[in-house]
PDB file of all heavy atoms in Angstrom:
ATOM      1  N   LEU A   1     -10.429   3.286 -14.751  1.00  0.00           N
ATOM      2  CA  LEU A   1      -9.189   4.061 -14.777  1.00  0.00           C
ATOM      3  C   LEU A   1      -8.086   3.332 -14.024  1.00  0.00           C
ATOM      4  O   LEU A   1      -6.928   3.300 -14.478  1.00  0.00           O
ATOM      5  CB  LEU A   1      -9.412   5.440 -14.147  1.00  0.00           C
ATOM      6  CG  LEU A   1      -8.167   6.339 -14.082  1.00  0.00           C
ATOM      7  CD1 LEU A   1      -7.626   6.629 -15.482  1.00  0.00           C
ATOM      8  CD2 LEU A   1      -8.479   7.637 -13.339  1.00  0.00           C
ATOM      9  N   GLY A   2      -8.424   2.735 -12.895  1.00  0.00           N
ATOM     10  CA  GLY A   2      -7.436   1.978 -12.139  1.00  0.00           C
ATOM     11  C   GLY A   2      -6.857   0.843 -12.967  1.00  0.00           C
ATOM     12  O   GLY A   2      -5.631   0.630 -12.985  1.00  0.00           O
ATOM     13  N   LYS A   3      -7.703   0.120 -13.665  1.00  0.00           N
ATOM     14  CA  LYS A   3      -7.254  -0.978 -14.524  1.00  0.00           C
ATOM     15  C   LYS A   3      -6.354  -0.440 -15.638  1.00  0.00           C
ATOM     16  O   LYS A   3      -5.328  -1.043 -15.979  1.00  0.00           O
ATOM     17  CB  LYS A   3      -8.454  -1.704 -15.124  1.00  0.00           C
ATOM     18  CG  LYS A   3      -8.099  -2.942 -15.939  1.00  0.00           C
ATOM     19  CD  LYS A   3      -9.367  -3.653 -16.406  1.00  0.00           C
ATOM     20  CE  LYS A   3      -9.037  -4.963 -17.118  1.00  0.00           C
ATOM     21  NZ  LYS A   3      -8.237  -4.779 -18.323  1.00  0.00           N
ATOM     22  N   ALA A   4      -6.729   0.724 -16.190  1.00  0.00           N
ATOM     23  CA  ALA A   4      -5.941   1.324 -17.262  1.00  0.00           C
ATOM     24  C   ALA A   4      -4.580   1.796 -16.758  1.00  0.00           C
ATOM     25  O   ALA A   4      -3.573   1.696 -17.459  1.00  0.00           O
ATOM     26  CB  ALA A   4      -6.709   2.487 -17.885  1.00  0.00           C
ATOM     27  N   LEU A   5      -4.531   2.320 -15.534  1.00  0.00           N
ATOM     28  CA  LEU A   5      -3.261   2.755 -14.944  1.00  0.00           C
ATOM     29  C   LEU A   5      -2.311   1.575 -14.765  1.00  0.00           C
ATOM     30  O   LEU A   5      -1.101   1.683 -15.013  1.00  0.00           O
ATOM     31  CB  LEU A   5      -3.509   3.431 -13.596  1.00  0.00           C
ATOM     32  CG  LEU A   5      -4.049   4.865 -13.653  1.00  0.00           C
ATOM     33  CD1 LEU A   5      -4.655   5.270 -12.309  1.00  0.00           C
ATOM     34  CD2 LEU A   5      -2.942   5.838 -14.051  1.00  0.00           C
ATOM     35  N   ILE A   6      -2.863   0.452 -14.352  1.00  0.00           N
ATOM     36  CA  ILE A   6      -2.042  -0.754 -14.208  1.00  0.00           C
ATOM     37  C   ILE A   6      -1.630  -1.273 -15.579  1.00  0.00           C
ATOM     38  O   ILE A   6      -0.472  -1.641 -15.814  1.00  0.00           O
ATOM     39  CB  ILE A   6      -2.809  -1.832 -13.411  1.00  0.00           C
ATOM     40  CG1 ILE A   6      -3.028  -1.365 -11.968  1.00  0.00           C
ATOM     41  CG2 ILE A   6      -2.054  -3.168 -13.435  1.00  0.00           C
ATOM     42  CD1 ILE A   6      -3.946  -2.264 -11.147  1.00  0.00           C
ATOM     43  N   ASP A   7      -2.572  -1.281 -16.519  1.00  0.00           N
ATOM     44  CA  ASP A   7      -2.308  -1.755 -17.877  1.00  0.00           C
ATOM     45  C   ASP A   7      -1.207  -0.928 -18.540  1.00  0.00           C
ATOM     46  O   ASP A   7      -0.369  -1.462 -19.275  1.00  0.00           O
ATOM     47  CB  ASP A   7      -3.594  -1.678 -18.706  1.00  0.00           C
ATOM     48  CG  ASP A   7      -3.432  -2.247 -20.105  1.00  0.00           C
ATOM     49  OD1 ASP A   7      -3.199  -3.468 -20.224  1.00  0.00           O
ATOM     50  OD2 ASP A   7      -3.529  -1.482 -21.089  1.00  0.00           O
ATOM     51  N   ALA A   8      -1.201   0.379 -18.254  1.00  0.00           N
ATOM     52  CA  ALA A   8      -0.201   1.274 -18.837  1.00  0.00           C
ATOM     53  C   ALA A   8       1.094   1.297 -18.035  1.00  0.00           C
ATOM     54  O   ALA A   8       1.997   2.084 -18.326  1.00  0.00           O
ATOM     55  CB  ALA A   8      -0.775   2.687 -18.941  1.00  0.00           C
ATOM     56  N   LYS A   9       1.143   0.427 -17.005  1.00  0.00           N
ATOM     57  CA  LYS A   9       2.342   0.317 -16.153  1.00  0.00           C
ATOM     58  C   LYS A   9       2.695   1.642 -15.465  1.00  0.00           C
ATOM     59  O   LYS A   9       3.869   1.970 -15.277  1.00  0.00           O
ATOM     60  CB  LYS A   9       3.537  -0.201 -16.962  1.00  0.00           C
ATOM     61  CG  LYS A   9       3.329  -1.633 -17.475  1.00  0.00           C
ATOM     62  CD  LYS A   9       4.515  -2.130 -18.249  1.00  0.00           C
ATOM     63  CE  LYS A   9       4.442  -3.631 -18.538  1.00  0.00           C
ATOM     64  NZ  LYS A   9       3.157  -4.129 -18.987  1.00  0.00           N
ATOM     65  N   GLN A  10       1.675   2.377 -15.073  1.00  0.00           N
ATOM     66  CA  GLN A  10       1.873   3.627 -14.341  1.00  0.00           C
ATOM     67  C   GLN A  10       1.816   3.410 -12.837  1.00  0.00           C
ATOM     68  O   GLN A  10       2.358   4.192 -12.071  1.00  0.00           O
ATOM     69  CB  GLN A  10       0.811   4.648 -14.765  1.00  0.00           C
ATOM     70  CG  GLN A  10       0.903   5.079 -16.217  1.00  0.00           C
ATOM     71  CD  GLN A  10       2.256   5.664 -16.545  1.00  0.00           C
ATOM     72  OE1 GLN A  10       2.649   6.697 -15.997  1.00  0.00           O
ATOM     73  NE2 GLN A  10       2.994   5.013 -17.432  1.00  0.00           N
ATOM     74  N   VAL A  11       1.125   2.367 -12.421  1.00  0.00           N
ATOM     75  CA  VAL A  11       1.045   2.003 -11.005  1.00  0.00           C
ATOM     76  C   VAL A  11       1.130   0.496 -10.872  1.00  0.00           C
ATOM     77  O   VAL A  11       0.900  -0.245 -11.833  1.00  0.00           O
ATOM     78  CB  VAL A  11      -0.264   2.509 -10.334  1.00  0.00           C
ATOM     79  CG1 VAL A  11      -0.382   4.017 -10.435  1.00  0.00           C
ATOM     80  CG2 VAL A  11      -1.482   1.838 -10.964  1.00  0.00           C
ATOM     81  N   ASP A  12       1.468   0.043  -9.672  1.00  0.00           N
ATOM     82  CA  ASP A  12       1.506  -1.396  -9.396  1.00  0.00           C
ATOM     83  C   ASP A  12       0.160  -1.894  -8.885  1.00  0.00           C
ATOM     84  O   ASP A  12      -0.313  -2.953  -9.274  1.00  0.00           O
ATOM     85  CB  ASP A  12       2.593  -1.709  -8.364  1.00  0.00           C
ATOM     86  CG  ASP A  12       3.994  -1.558  -8.937  1.00  0.00           C
ATOM     87  OD1 ASP A  12       4.135  -1.679 -10.160  1.00  0.00           O
ATOM     88  OD2 ASP A  12       4.934  -1.308  -8.166  1.00  0.00           O
ATOM     89  N   THR A  13      -0.431  -1.130  -7.980  1.00  0.00           N
ATOM     90  CA  THR A  13      -1.708  -1.532  -7.397  1.00  0.00           C
ATOM     91  C   THR A  13      -2.613  -0.317  -7.226  1.00  0.00           C
ATOM     92  O   THR A  13      -2.151   0.821  -7.144  1.00  0.00           O
ATOM     93  CB  THR A  13      -1.529  -2.188  -6.014  1.00  0.00           C
ATOM     94  OG1 THR A  13      -0.938  -1.230  -5.116  1.00  0.00           O
ATOM     95  CG2 THR A  13      -0.634  -3.421  -6.103  1.00  0.00           C
ATOM     96  N   VAL A  14      -3.915  -0.590  -7.158  1.00  0.00           N
ATOM     97  CA  VAL A  14      -4.902   0.456  -6.878  1.00  0.00           C
ATOM     98  C   VAL A  14      -5.838  -0.060  -5.795  1.00  0.00           C
ATOM     99  O   VAL A  14      -6.385  -1.160  -5.908  1.00  0.00           O
ATOM    100  CB  VAL A  14      -5.722   0.832  -8.124  1.00  0.00           C
ATOM    101  CG1 VAL A  14      -6.731   1.927  -7.777  1.00  0.00           C
ATOM    102  CG2 VAL A  14      -4.820   1.294  -9.262  1.00  0.00           C
ATOM    103  N   VAL A  15      -6.002   0.727  -4.759  1.00  0.00           N
ATOM    104  CA  VAL A  15      -6.935   0.389  -3.672  1.00  0.00           C
ATOM    105  C   VAL A  15      -8.127   1.326  -3.792  1.00  0.00           C
ATOM    106  O   VAL A  15      -7.972   2.546  -3.824  1.00  0.00           O
ATOM    107  CB  VAL A  15      -6.269   0.553  -2.288  1.00  0.00           C
ATOM    108  CG1 VAL A  15      -7.282   0.281  -1.184  1.00  0.00           C
ATOM    109  CG2 VAL A  15      -5.073  -0.382  -2.163  1.00  0.00           C
ATOM    110  N   TYR A  16      -9.331   0.768  -3.872  1.00  0.00           N
ATOM    111  CA  TYR A  16     -10.544   1.558  -4.066  1.00  0.00           C
ATOM    112  C   TYR A  16     -11.316   1.712  -2.756  1.00  0.00           C
ATOM    113  O   TYR A  16     -11.364   0.790  -1.948  1.00  0.00           O
ATOM    114  CB  TYR A  16     -11.459   0.895  -5.101  1.00  0.00           C
ATOM    115  CG  TYR A  16     -10.788   0.621  -6.428  1.00  0.00           C
ATOM    116  CD1 TYR A  16     -10.256  -0.629  -6.707  1.00  0.00           C
ATOM    117  CD2 TYR A  16     -10.678   1.610  -7.394  1.00  0.00           C
ATOM    118  CE1 TYR A  16      -9.635  -0.896  -7.915  1.00  0.00           C
ATOM    119  CE2 TYR A  16     -10.066   1.357  -8.608  1.00  0.00           C
ATOM    120  CZ  TYR A  16      -9.543   0.104  -8.868  1.00  0.00           C
ATOM    121  OH  TYR A  16      -8.922  -0.146 -10.071  1.00  0.00           O
ATOM    122  N   GLU A  17     -11.925   2.861  -2.584  1.00  0.00           N
ATOM    123  CA  GLU A  17     -12.793   3.076  -1.432  1.00  0.00           C
ATOM    124  C   GLU A  17     -14.066   3.769  -1.884  1.00  0.00           C
ATOM    125  O   GLU A  17     -14.018   4.841  -2.478  1.00  0.00           O
ATOM    126  CB  GLU A  17     -12.102   3.921  -0.365  1.00  0.00           C
ATOM    127  CG  GLU A  17     -12.991   4.135   0.868  1.00  0.00           C
ATOM    128  CD  GLU A  17     -12.285   4.825   2.006  1.00  0.00           C
ATOM    129  OE1 GLU A  17     -11.133   5.271   1.826  1.00  0.00           O
ATOM    130  OE2 GLU A  17     -12.890   4.949   3.087  1.00  0.00           O
ATOM    131  N   ASN A  18     -15.198   3.134  -1.623  1.00  0.00           N
ATOM    132  CA  ASN A  18     -16.495   3.725  -1.939  1.00  0.00           C
ATOM    133  C   ASN A  18     -17.039   4.472  -0.729  1.00  0.00           C
ATOM    134  O   ASN A  18     -17.032   3.948   0.385  1.00  0.00           O
ATOM    135  CB  ASN A  18     -17.506   2.651  -2.347  1.00  0.00           C
ATOM    136  CG  ASN A  18     -17.234   2.072  -3.718  1.00  0.00           C
ATOM    137  OD1 ASN A  18     -16.485   1.109  -3.851  1.00  0.00           O
ATOM    138  ND2 ASN A  18     -17.846   2.652  -4.730  1.00  0.00           N
ATOM    139  N   LYS A  19     -17.496   5.692  -0.950  1.00  0.00           N
ATOM    140  CA  LYS A  19     -18.121   6.482   0.111  1.00  0.00           C
ATOM    141  C   LYS A  19     -19.232   7.302  -0.520  1.00  0.00           C
ATOM    142  O   LYS A  19     -19.020   8.402  -1.026  1.00  0.00           O
ATOM    143  CB  LYS A  19     -17.088   7.404   0.772  1.00  0.00           C
ATOM    144  CG  LYS A  19     -17.631   8.246   1.923  1.00  0.00           C
ATOM    145  CD  LYS A  19     -17.991   7.386   3.119  1.00  0.00           C
ATOM    146  CE  LYS A  19     -18.418   8.240   4.312  1.00  0.00           C
ATOM    147  NZ  LYS A  19     -18.785   7.411   5.485  1.00  0.00           N
ATOM    148  N   GLY A  20     -20.442   6.738  -0.542  1.00  0.00           N
ATOM    149  CA  GLY A  20     -21.556   7.384  -1.214  1.00  0.00           C
ATOM    150  C   GLY A  20     -22.304   8.357  -0.335  1.00  0.00           C
ATOM    151  O   GLY A  20     -22.171   8.356   0.883  1.00  0.00           O
ATOM    152  N   GLY A  21     -23.095   9.207  -0.986  1.00  0.00           N
ATOM    153  CA  GLY A  21     -23.970  10.125  -0.269  1.00  0.00           C
ATOM    154  C   GLY A  21     -23.764  11.574  -0.620  1.00  0.00           C
ATOM    155  O   GLY A  21     -22.638  12.009  -0.895  1.00  0.00           O
ATOM    156  N   ALA A  22     -24.876  12.326  -0.659  1.00  0.00           N
ATOM    157  CA  ALA A  22     -24.864  13.781  -0.844  1.00  0.00           C
ATOM    158  C   ALA A  22     -24.157  14.206  -2.126  1.00  0.00           C
ATOM    159  O   ALA A  22     -23.360  15.142  -2.134  1.00  0.00           O
ATOM    160  CB  ALA A  22     -24.239  14.464   0.368  1.00  0.00           C
ATOM    161  N   ALA A  23     -24.447  13.491  -3.219  1.00  0.00           N
ATOM    162  CA  ALA A  23     -23.876  13.824  -4.530  1.00  0.00           C
ATOM    163  C   ALA A  23     -22.354  13.818  -4.512  1.00  0.00           C
ATOM    164  O   ALA A  23     -21.712  14.582  -5.218  1.00  0.00           O
ATOM    165  CB  ALA A  23     -24.396  15.170  -5.026  1.00  0.00           C
ATOM    166  N   GLY A  24     -21.794  12.954  -3.698  1.00  0.00           N
ATOM    167  CA  GLY A  24     -20.343  12.840  -3.618  1.00  0.00           C
ATOM    168  C   GLY A  24     -19.713  13.692  -2.538  1.00  0.00           C
ATOM    169  O   GLY A  24     -18.500  13.605  -2.301  1.00  0.00           O
ATOM    170  N   ALA A  25     -20.504  14.520  -1.851  1.00  0.00           N
ATOM    171  CA  ALA A  25     -19.952  15.437  -0.851  1.00  0.00           C
ATOM    172  C   ALA A  25     -19.329  14.700   0.336  1.00  0.00           C
ATOM    173  O   ALA A  25     -18.330  15.154   0.901  1.00  0.00           O
ATOM    174  CB  ALA A  25     -21.030  16.402  -0.360  1.00  0.00           C
ATOM    175  N   LEU A  26     -19.893  13.551   0.717  1.00  0.00           N
ATOM    176  CA  LEU A  26     -19.339  12.795   1.835  1.00  0.00           C
ATOM    177  C   LEU A  26     -17.970  12.224   1.469  1.00  0.00           C
ATOM    178  O   LEU A  26     -17.019  12.293   2.255  1.00  0.00           O
ATOM    179  CB  LEU A  26     -20.295  11.669   2.241  1.00  0.00           C
ATOM    180  CG  LEU A  26     -21.680  12.089   2.758  1.00  0.00           C
ATOM    181  CD1 LEU A  26     -22.469  10.869   3.228  1.00  0.00           C
ATOM    182  CD2 LEU A  26     -21.558  13.102   3.890  1.00  0.00           C
ATOM    183  N   GLY A  27     -17.885  11.666   0.267  1.00  0.00           N
ATOM    184  CA  GLY A  27     -16.611  11.139  -0.192  1.00  0.00           C
ATOM    185  C   GLY A  27     -15.584  12.233  -0.382  1.00  0.00           C
ATOM    186  O   GLY A  27     -14.396  12.053  -0.078  1.00  0.00           O
ATOM    187  N   LEU A  28     -16.031  13.378  -0.894  1.00  0.00           N
ATOM    188  CA  LEU A  28     -15.137  14.522  -1.088  1.00  0.00           C
ATOM    189  C   LEU A  28     -14.550  14.973   0.245  1.00  0.00           C
ATOM    190  O   LEU A  28     -13.337  15.198   0.355  1.00  0.00           O
ATOM    191  CB  LEU A  28     -15.902  15.676  -1.742  1.00  0.00           C
ATOM    192  CG  LEU A  28     -15.194  17.038  -1.793  1.00  0.00           C
ATOM    193  CD1 LEU A  28     -13.926  16.953  -2.636  1.00  0.00           C
ATOM    194  CD2 LEU A  28     -16.143  18.112  -2.343  1.00  0.00           C
ATOM    195  N   ALA A  29     -15.392  15.108   1.259  1.00  0.00           N
ATOM    196  CA  ALA A  29     -14.924  15.549   2.578  1.00  0.00           C
ATOM    197  C   ALA A  29     -13.912  14.567   3.159  1.00  0.00           C
ATOM    198  O   ALA A  29     -12.877  14.967   3.704  1.00  0.00           O
ATOM    199  CB  ALA A  29     -16.108  15.710   3.523  1.00  0.00           C
ATOM    200  N   GLN A  30     -14.201  13.270   3.022  1.00  0.00           N
ATOM    201  CA  GLN A  30     -13.279  12.262   3.545  1.00  0.00           C
ATOM    202  C   GLN A  30     -11.956  12.305   2.786  1.00  0.00           C
ATOM    203  O   GLN A  30     -10.877  12.206   3.386  1.00  0.00           O
ATOM    204  CB  GLN A  30     -13.903  10.869   3.429  1.00  0.00           C
ATOM    205  CG  GLN A  30     -13.020   9.763   3.976  1.00  0.00           C
ATOM    206  CD  GLN A  30     -13.758   8.447   4.075  1.00  0.00           C
ATOM    207  OE1 GLN A  30     -14.876   8.382   4.584  1.00  0.00           O
ATOM    208  NE2 GLN A  30     -13.143   7.377   3.571  1.00  0.00           N
ATOM    209  N   PHE A  31     -12.037  12.460   1.470  1.00  0.00           N
ATOM    210  CA  PHE A  31     -10.831  12.514   0.638  1.00  0.00           C
ATOM    211  C   PHE A  31      -9.964  13.714   1.020  1.00  0.00           C
ATOM    212  O   PHE A  31      -8.748  13.589   1.201  1.00  0.00           O
ATOM    213  CB  PHE A  31     -11.238  12.602  -0.837  1.00  0.00           C
ATOM    214  CG  PHE A  31     -10.084  12.716  -1.796  1.00  0.00           C
ATOM    215  CD1 PHE A  31      -9.308  11.609  -2.102  1.00  0.00           C
ATOM    216  CD2 PHE A  31      -9.785  13.925  -2.398  1.00  0.00           C
ATOM    217  CE1 PHE A  31      -8.243  11.701  -2.999  1.00  0.00           C
ATOM    218  CE2 PHE A  31      -8.727  14.042  -3.295  1.00  0.00           C
ATOM    219  CZ  PHE A  31      -7.950  12.920  -3.589  1.00  0.00           C
ATOM    220  N   VAL A  32     -10.589  14.875   1.157  1.00  0.00           N
ATOM    221  CA  VAL A  32      -9.849  16.101   1.480  1.00  0.00           C
ATOM    222  C   VAL A  32      -9.192  16.004   2.847  1.00  0.00           C
ATOM    223  O   VAL A  32      -8.025  16.371   3.034  1.00  0.00           O
ATOM    224  CB  VAL A  32     -10.791  17.324   1.408  1.00  0.00           C
ATOM    225  CG1 VAL A  32     -10.155  18.544   2.065  1.00  0.00           C
ATOM    226  CG2 VAL A  32     -11.148  17.626  -0.043  1.00  0.00           C
ATOM    227  N   ASN A  33      -9.931  15.471   3.820  1.00  0.00           N
ATOM    228  CA  ASN A  33      -9.413  15.421   5.187  1.00  0.00           C
ATOM    229  C   ASN A  33      -8.362  14.328   5.409  1.00  0.00           C
ATOM    230  O   ASN A  33      -7.448  14.487   6.227  1.00  0.00           O
ATOM    231  CB  ASN A  33     -10.561  15.215   6.174  1.00  0.00           C
ATOM    232  CG  ASN A  33     -11.484  16.428   6.233  1.00  0.00           C
ATOM    233  OD1 ASN A  33     -11.041  17.554   6.090  1.00  0.00           O
ATOM    234  ND2 ASN A  33     -12.781  16.189   6.420  1.00  0.00           N
ATOM    235  N   ALA A  34      -8.485  13.229   4.662  1.00  0.00           N
ATOM    236  CA  ALA A  34      -7.598  12.091   4.908  1.00  0.00           C
ATOM    237  C   ALA A  34      -6.396  12.018   3.967  1.00  0.00           C
ATOM    238  O   ALA A  34      -5.467  11.248   4.216  1.00  0.00           O
ATOM    239  CB  ALA A  34      -8.395  10.788   4.811  1.00  0.00           C
ATOM    240  N   SER A  35      -6.416  12.792   2.895  1.00  0.00           N
ATOM    241  CA  SER A  35      -5.376  12.625   1.874  1.00  0.00           C
ATOM    242  C   SER A  35      -4.489  13.849   1.678  1.00  0.00           C
ATOM    243  O   SER A  35      -3.792  13.945   0.671  1.00  0.00           O
ATOM    244  CB  SER A  35      -6.045  12.266   0.532  1.00  0.00           C
ATOM    245  OG  SER A  35      -6.820  11.106   0.637  1.00  0.00           O
ATOM    246  N   LYS A  36      -4.507  14.784   2.601  1.00  0.00           N
ATOM    247  CA  LYS A  36      -3.730  16.010   2.432  1.00  0.00           C
ATOM    248  C   LYS A  36      -2.255  15.704   2.142  1.00  0.00           C
ATOM    249  O   LYS A  36      -1.610  14.970   2.872  1.00  0.00           O
ATOM    250  CB  LYS A  36      -3.846  16.880   3.680  1.00  0.00           C
ATOM    251  CG  LYS A  36      -5.237  17.469   3.871  1.00  0.00           C
ATOM    252  CD  LYS A  36      -5.333  18.280   5.157  1.00  0.00           C
ATOM    253  CE  LYS A  36      -6.747  18.828   5.348  1.00  0.00           C
ATOM    254  NZ  LYS A  36      -6.898  19.561   6.619  1.00  0.00           N
ATOM    255  N   GLY A  37      -1.766  16.268   1.059  1.00  0.00           N
ATOM    256  CA  GLY A  37      -0.362  16.113   0.691  1.00  0.00           C
ATOM    257  C   GLY A  37       0.016  14.761   0.125  1.00  0.00           C
ATOM    258  O   GLY A  37       1.192  14.511  -0.143  1.00  0.00           O
TER     259      GLY A  37
END
Protein backbone atom coordinates (compact mmCIF):
# COMPACT_ATOMS: atom_id res chain seq x y z
CA LEU A 1 0.00 0.00 0.00
CA GLY A 2 2.85 2.38 0.79
CA LYS A 3 4.37 1.77 -2.64
CA ALA A 4 0.96 2.30 -4.24
CA LEU A 5 0.44 5.58 -2.35
CA ILE A 6 3.75 6.85 -3.68
CA ASP A 7 3.02 5.50 -7.17
CA ALA A 8 -0.33 7.33 -7.15
CA LYS A 9 1.46 10.51 -6.02
CA GLN A 10 -0.61 10.69 -2.83
CA VAL A 11 2.42 10.82 -0.54
CA ASP A 12 6.11 11.62 -0.88
CA THR A 13 7.47 9.12 1.62
CA VAL A 14 6.29 6.28 3.84
CA VAL A 15 8.01 5.26 7.07
CA TYR A 16 7.19 1.73 8.26
CA GLU A 17 7.27 0.39 11.79
CA ASN A 18 6.86 -3.27 12.67
CA LYS A 19 5.52 -4.15 16.11
CA GLY A 20 4.49 -7.79 16.34
CA GLY A 21 2.75 -9.74 19.06
CA ALA A 22 -0.66 -10.65 20.51
CA ALA A 23 -2.46 -10.77 17.14
CA GLY A 24 -1.56 -7.16 16.50
CA ALA A 25 -2.65 -5.90 19.93
CA LEU A 26 0.83 -4.62 20.81
CA GLY A 27 1.09 -2.65 17.60
CA LEU A 28 -2.47 -1.39 18.00
CA ALA A 29 -1.75 -0.09 21.52
CA GLN A 30 1.42 1.66 20.37
CA PHE A 31 -0.38 3.16 17.37
CA VAL A 32 -3.28 4.46 19.47
CA ASN A 33 -1.06 5.93 22.17
CA ALA A 34 1.57 7.48 19.90
CA SER A 35 -0.51 8.74 16.98
CA LYS A 36 -3.43 10.58 18.57
CA GLY A 37 -4.67 13.30 16.24
